[in-house]
Amino acid sequence: MRNNRVLLLLAVVAFGISSNGLAEHVKGYTRKDGTYVHGYERGSTRAPAQNSSKPKAHAPAASSTPATVHRDAAGHIERSSSAREAFQKSHPCPSTRKTSGACPGYVVDHVIALKRGGADAPSNMQWQTVEAAKAKDRVE
């Protein structure tokens, strides 16, 4: 009985099987060498799906941004004004409750930064205070 427990423990450690025996999702991440690893399922005891969810590393683009990011002549990431307008119509300004125009004290922020592969879509936007935005910019 004790040997079975040891073998089970070794299987958990070696294969990353969670305590409930199901797969655990690993979020995508960037390695120190700059390559990006897509999210995948780890430790599944089930047969892999037809589309294998193994991590796929790829070389970063020359500017270390996703290939889908478009930049203007000055090198800034192009942003969609229609996406911002759609966000403002569905999420009124926290300070004035208006659905268009300026919003004093707040900026529209991308939850997942565009340079990190976030979508320039209303579903990836949020209101953020100017102070919080400046603090976030220092980190990003």
Protein backbone atom coordinates (compact mmCIF):
# COMPACT_ATOMS: atom_id res chain seq x y z
CA MET A 1 0.00 0.00 0.00
CA ARG A 2 2.82 2.39 0.86
CA ASN A 3 4.56 1.68 -2.46
CA ASN A 4 1.39 2.66 -4.34
CA ARG A 5 1.29 6.00 -2.54
CA VAL A 6 4.93 6.66 -3.39
CA LEU A 7 4.32 5.81 -7.04
CA LEU A 8 1.27 8.08 -7.12
CA LEU A 9 3.26 10.91 -5.56
CA LEU A 10 6.03 10.41 -8.13
CA ALA A 11 3.46 10.53 -10.93
CA VAL A 12 2.02 13.76 -9.58
CA VAL A 13 5.47 15.34 -9.33
CA ALA A 14 6.77 14.01 -12.66
CA PHE A 15 3.70 14.77 -14.77
CA GLY A 16 2.26 17.79 -12.98
CA ILE A 17 -1.07 16.09 -12.39
CA SER A 18 -3.32 18.14 -10.17
CA SER A 19 -4.79 16.65 -7.01
CA ASN A 20 -8.11 16.03 -8.75
CA GLY A 21 -6.44 14.27 -11.70
CA LEU A 22 -7.60 16.86 -14.23
CA ALA A 23 -5.52 19.11 -16.41
CA GLU A 24 -4.39 22.50 -15.17
CA HIS A 25 -4.33 25.46 -17.50
CA VAL A 26 -1.00 27.26 -17.84
CA LYS A 27 -1.31 30.84 -19.13
CA GLY A 28 0.86 31.99 -21.99
CA TYR A 29 4.13 33.62 -20.98
CA THR A 30 7.32 35.13 -22.36
CA ARG A 31 10.61 33.43 -21.59
CA LYS A 32 13.74 35.36 -20.57
CA ASP A 33 15.16 34.82 -24.08
CA GLY A 34 12.13 36.64 -25.55
CA THR A 35 10.26 33.67 -27.02
CA TYR A 36 6.55 33.43 -26.30
CA VAL A 37 4.94 30.20 -25.07
CA HIS A 38 1.19 29.92 -25.72
CA GLY A 39 -1.15 28.79 -22.94
CA TYR A 40 -1.67 25.05 -22.66
CA GLU A 41 -3.15 22.30 -20.47
CA ARG A 42 -0.70 20.52 -18.17
CA GLY A 43 -1.04 17.17 -16.44
CA SER A 44 -4.07 15.86 -18.23
CA THR A 45 -4.75 12.17 -17.58
CA ARG A 46 -7.05 12.09 -20.60
CA ALA A 47 -5.96 11.47 -24.16
CA PRO A 48 -4.84 14.68 -25.87
CA ALA A 49 -7.35 16.39 -28.13
CA GLN A 50 -6.89 16.39 -31.87
CA ASN A 51 -5.44 19.89 -31.67
CA SER A 52 -2.51 19.27 -29.37
CA SER A 53 -2.29 21.85 -26.61
CA LYS A 54 1.44 21.51 -26.09
CA PRO A 55 3.32 24.76 -25.62
CA LYS A 56 4.36 26.32 -28.89
CA ALA A 57 7.29 28.66 -28.78
CA HIS A 58 7.89 31.14 -31.56
CA ALA A 59 10.49 33.75 -32.18
CA PRO A 60 9.37 37.27 -31.30
CA ALA A 61 8.90 39.81 -34.05
CA ALA A 62 11.74 42.25 -34.61
CA SER A 63 10.11 44.75 -32.23
CA SER A 64 9.22 41.97 -29.72
CA THR A 65 5.52 42.59 -30.29
CA PRO A 66 2.97 40.21 -31.77
CA ALA A 67 2.94 40.07 -35.56
CA THR A 68 -0.63 41.44 -35.72
CA VAL A 69 0.32 44.80 -34.20
CA HIS A 70 0.34 47.62 -36.76
CA ARG A 71 2.47 50.68 -36.17
CA ASP A 72 2.23 54.16 -37.66
CA ALA A 73 5.12 56.12 -39.20
CA ALA A 74 6.25 57.31 -35.75
CA GLY A 75 6.40 53.72 -34.46
CA HIS A 76 3.33 53.97 -32.23
CA ILE A 77 0.78 51.16 -32.18
CA GLU A 78 -2.23 52.17 -34.27
CA ARG A 79 -5.47 52.38 -32.30
CA SER A 80 -9.04 52.20 -33.49
CA SER A 81 -11.08 55.31 -32.73
CA SER A 82 -14.28 53.40 -33.50
CA ALA A 83 -13.43 50.79 -30.83
CA ARG A 84 -12.90 53.55 -28.26
CA GLU A 85 -16.21 55.21 -29.24
CA ALA A 86 -18.03 51.87 -28.95
CA PHE A 87 -16.50 51.37 -25.49
CA GLN A 88 -17.60 54.84 -24.36
CA LYS A 89 -21.17 54.28 -25.61
CA SER A 90 -21.50 51.07 -23.62
CA HIS A 91 -19.50 52.29 -20.57
CA PRO A 92 -20.33 55.91 -19.64
CA CYS A 93 -17.67 58.12 -18.08
CA PRO A 94 -17.44 57.43 -14.31
CA SER A 95 -17.21 61.14 -13.43
CA THR A 96 -19.75 62.73 -15.83
CA ARG A 97 -21.87 59.71 -16.93
CA LYS A 98 -21.57 60.96 -20.55
CA THR A 99 -21.23 58.46 -23.40
CA SER A 100 -19.01 60.67 -25.57
CA GLY A 101 -16.38 63.36 -25.25
CA ALA A 102 -13.76 63.90 -22.56
CA CYS A 103 -13.86 62.17 -19.19
CA PRO A 104 -12.09 64.32 -16.57
CA GLY A 105 -9.79 62.33 -14.29
CA TYR A 106 -10.07 59.10 -16.30
CA VAL A 107 -8.48 57.51 -19.36
CA VAL A 108 -9.48 54.50 -21.45
CA ASP A 109 -7.05 51.67 -20.68
CA HIS A 110 -6.44 48.37 -22.43
CA VAL A 111 -6.71 45.57 -19.86
CA ILE A 112 -4.18 43.51 -21.82
CA ALA A 113 -1.73 45.93 -23.39
CA LEU A 114 -1.68 46.13 -27.17
CA LYS A 115 2.06 45.49 -27.16
CA ARG A 116 1.37 42.26 -25.25
CA GLY A 117 -1.14 41.03 -27.82
CA GLY A 118 -4.31 42.52 -26.34
CA ALA A 119 -7.15 43.32 -28.71
CA ASP A 120 -8.02 46.89 -29.62
CA ALA A 121 -11.67 46.15 -28.90
CA PRO A 122 -14.22 47.39 -26.35
CA SER A 123 -14.05 44.02 -24.56
CA ASN A 124 -10.39 44.72 -23.72
CA MET A 125 -10.95 48.29 -22.45
CA GLN A 126 -11.70 49.78 -19.04
CA TRP A 127 -11.86 53.20 -17.37
CA GLN A 128 -8.77 53.94 -15.31
CA THR A 129 -7.88 56.96 -13.19
CA VAL A 130 -5.09 59.15 -14.51
CA GLU A 131 -2.95 58.36 -11.42
CA ALA A 132 -3.41 54.61 -11.84
CA ALA A 133 -2.59 54.92 -15.55
CA LYS A 134 0.68 56.72 -14.80
CA ALA A 135 1.62 54.04 -12.26
CA LYS A 136 0.76 51.27 -14.76
CA ASP A 137 2.81 53.00 -17.49
CA ARG A 138 5.86 53.01 -15.23
CA VAL A 139 5.55 49.23 -14.79
CA GLU A 140 4.78 48.41 -18.43
